Amino acid sequence: MNGHGTQFSALGFNKTPIIIANKNDYLLRGRIVHIISCFTGKFLAQAAIDKGCKGYLGYKDYFYLWYIESEPEKDIVATMFQEAVNSASKILINGGSIKEAFEKSQEVYEKRINECKGKYFQSTTSAEMKDNLQDIMSALIWNKKHQIYQTLED
């Protein structure tokens, strides 16, 4: 799932609640769930696990997507965030575990953070670019820190 979220629900089109803790979270029973939104890792994840969801991967706080172009698919900055999310999804789609997906996503976040650090400390990097890189790194670090996974076995 990809959209907005609260600690109690995953939201869809026009912020309509799709999955709500202790209301219809039983729909996730037996499933592996990757929710790309803010806050669903705070309460909804555990509520779903308690109802038999096999695994949850998502974020316990804000999820940031940073971009500089109006078309994210053409934006090298947005690509950094998309890569971290999509790498996890690909592992899950191909039958990998929640833990493997989490670790791969964390690895991508770390790789992109280090790339930004490398560019930041280049002598040719302008002050404006350094400001942008600092913002991008902060968002990547935030997402990395607040991404969680849970499994039924935990």
Protein backbone atom coordinates (compact mmCIF):
# COMPACT_ATOMS: atom_id res chain seq x y z
CA MET A 1 0.00 0.00 0.00
CA ASN A 2 1.18 3.49 -0.76
CA GLY A 3 -0.53 6.62 0.50
CA HIS A 4 -1.14 8.54 3.66
CA GLY A 5 -1.53 7.04 7.09
CA THR A 6 -2.18 7.58 10.76
CA GLN A 7 -1.14 5.48 13.69
CA PHE A 8 -4.50 3.68 13.45
CA SER A 9 -5.17 3.49 9.70
CA ALA A 10 -3.80 3.28 6.19
CA LEU A 11 -5.50 5.79 3.91
CA GLY A 12 -6.26 5.59 0.22
CA PHE A 13 -7.73 7.94 -2.38
CA ASN A 14 -8.84 11.29 -0.89
CA LYS A 15 -7.47 10.07 2.45
CA THR A 16 -10.25 7.52 2.79
CA PRO A 17 -9.38 4.93 5.47
CA ILE A 18 -8.68 1.55 3.86
CA ILE A 19 -7.36 -0.52 6.78
CA ILE A 20 -8.35 0.53 10.29
CA ALA A 21 -6.90 -0.94 13.48
CA ASN A 22 -9.38 -3.04 15.44
CA LYS A 23 -12.02 -2.56 12.76
CA ASN A 24 -10.91 -4.33 9.59
CA ASP A 25 -7.24 -5.07 10.21
CA TYR A 26 -8.20 -8.77 10.21
CA LEU A 27 -8.16 -8.42 6.39
CA LEU A 28 -4.37 -8.53 6.64
CA ARG A 29 -4.42 -11.98 8.30
CA GLY A 30 -2.01 -14.33 6.58
CA ARG A 31 -0.53 -11.54 4.46
CA ILE A 32 2.77 -9.71 4.28
CA VAL A 33 2.14 -5.98 4.21
CA HIS A 34 4.38 -3.14 3.03
CA ILE A 35 2.72 0.17 3.84
CA ILE A 36 4.51 3.24 2.53
CA SER A 37 2.97 6.01 4.58
CA CYS A 38 3.37 7.96 7.77
CA PHE A 39 2.66 6.53 11.23
CA THR A 40 1.11 3.13 10.42
CA GLY A 41 3.97 1.42 12.25
CA LYS A 42 2.94 2.96 15.56
CA PHE A 43 -0.24 1.00 16.28
CA LEU A 44 -1.80 -0.41 13.11
CA ALA A 45 1.17 -2.72 12.50
CA GLN A 46 0.91 -4.40 15.90
CA ALA A 47 -2.89 -4.58 15.73
CA ALA A 48 -2.62 -6.36 12.36
CA ILE A 49 0.11 -8.71 13.63
CA ASP A 50 -2.10 -9.53 16.62
CA LYS A 51 -4.84 -10.52 14.14
CA GLY A 52 -2.53 -12.87 12.24
CA CYS A 53 -0.80 -10.62 9.69
CA LYS A 54 2.41 -12.51 8.77
CA GLY A 55 4.54 -9.39 8.51
CA TYR A 56 4.53 -5.62 8.33
CA LEU A 57 7.10 -3.25 6.85
CA GLY A 58 6.56 0.47 7.10
CA TYR A 59 7.16 3.63 9.09
CA LYS A 60 6.41 4.52 12.71
CA ASP A 61 6.63 8.28 12.14
CA TYR A 62 6.57 10.62 9.17
CA PHE A 63 7.72 9.23 5.83
CA TYR A 64 9.51 11.85 3.76
CA LEU A 65 9.83 11.98 -0.01
CA TRP A 66 12.11 14.78 -1.11
CA TYR A 67 12.18 15.99 -4.70
CA ILE A 68 13.29 18.99 -6.74
CA GLU A 69 11.59 18.38 -10.10
CA SER A 70 7.85 18.60 -10.78
CA GLU A 71 7.93 15.09 -12.28
CA PRO A 72 9.31 12.69 -9.62
CA GLU A 73 10.04 9.93 -12.16
CA LYS A 74 12.59 12.27 -13.79
CA ASP A 75 13.99 13.49 -10.47
CA ILE A 76 17.32 12.06 -9.30
CA VAL A 77 16.53 13.08 -5.71
CA ALA A 78 13.10 11.41 -5.66
CA THR A 79 14.76 8.33 -7.15
CA MET A 80 16.85 7.94 -3.99
CA PHE A 81 13.71 7.61 -1.87
CA GLN A 82 11.90 5.46 -4.41
CA GLU A 83 14.85 3.09 -4.64
CA ALA A 84 14.81 2.44 -0.89
CA VAL A 85 11.09 1.69 -0.93
CA ASN A 86 11.04 -0.24 -4.21
CA SER A 87 14.00 -2.43 -3.28
CA ALA A 88 12.00 -3.73 -0.31
CA SER A 89 8.88 -4.28 -2.42
CA LYS A 90 10.84 -6.23 -5.03
CA ILE A 91 12.23 -8.58 -2.38
CA LEU A 92 8.75 -9.20 -1.00
CA ILE A 93 7.25 -9.75 -4.47
CA ASN A 94 9.99 -12.28 -5.21
CA GLY A 95 9.23 -14.26 -2.04
CA GLY A 96 11.84 -12.79 0.29
CA SER A 97 11.21 -12.23 3.96
CA ILE A 98 10.15 -9.04 5.70
CA LYS A 99 13.54 -8.97 7.43
CA GLU A 100 15.38 -9.27 4.10
CA ALA A 101 13.25 -6.49 2.61
CA PHE A 102 13.88 -4.27 5.63
CA GLU A 103 17.64 -4.90 5.53
CA LYS A 104 17.84 -4.17 1.80
CA SER A 105 15.88 -0.95 2.21
CA GLN A 106 18.12 0.10 5.10
CA GLU A 107 21.17 -0.67 2.95
CA VAL A 108 19.84 1.55 0.15
CA TYR A 109 19.10 4.38 2.57
CA GLU A 110 22.66 4.12 3.93
CA LYS A 111 24.15 4.04 0.41
CA ARG A 112 22.23 7.16 -0.62
CA ILE A 113 23.08 8.99 2.64
CA ASN A 114 26.76 8.27 2.02
CA GLU A 115 26.51 9.49 -1.58
CA CYS A 116 25.05 12.77 -0.35
CA LYS A 117 27.80 13.09 2.26
CA GLY A 118 30.41 12.55 -0.44
CA LYS A 119 28.94 15.29 -2.63
CA TYR A 120 28.50 17.62 0.35
CA PHE A 121 32.22 17.54 1.18
CA GLN A 122 33.45 18.08 -2.37
CA SER A 123 35.22 21.42 -2.70
CA THR A 124 33.27 22.23 -5.87
CA THR A 125 29.85 21.89 -4.21
CA SER A 126 28.08 25.26 -3.96
CA ALA A 127 26.56 26.58 -0.73
CA GLU A 128 23.07 26.22 -2.21
CA MET A 129 23.74 22.61 -3.17
CA LYS A 130 25.10 21.93 0.32
CA ASP A 131 21.85 23.25 1.80
CA ASN A 132 19.86 20.95 -0.49
CA LEU A 133 22.08 17.98 0.30
CA GLN A 134 21.69 18.61 4.01
CA ASP A 135 17.89 18.56 3.65
CA ILE A 136 17.98 15.42 1.52
CA MET A 137 20.30 13.64 3.96
CA SER A 138 18.09 14.61 6.88
CA ALA A 139 15.03 13.13 5.17
CA LEU A 140 16.88 9.92 4.21
CA ILE A 141 18.24 9.52 7.75
CA TRP A 142 14.77 10.16 9.18
CA ASN A 143 13.14 7.51 6.97
CA LYS A 144 15.91 5.01 7.73
CA LYS A 145 15.56 5.58 11.46
CA HIS A 146 11.75 5.30 11.50
CA GLN A 147 11.33 2.33 9.18
CA ILE A 148 10.32 -0.79 11.09
CA TYR A 149 9.32 -4.35 10.47
CA GLN A 150 7.35 -6.81 12.55
CA THR A 151 6.50 -10.42 11.99
CA LEU A 152 4.02 -12.82 13.51
CA GLU A 153 6.97 -14.75 14.98
CA ASP A 154 8.36 -11.71 16.88
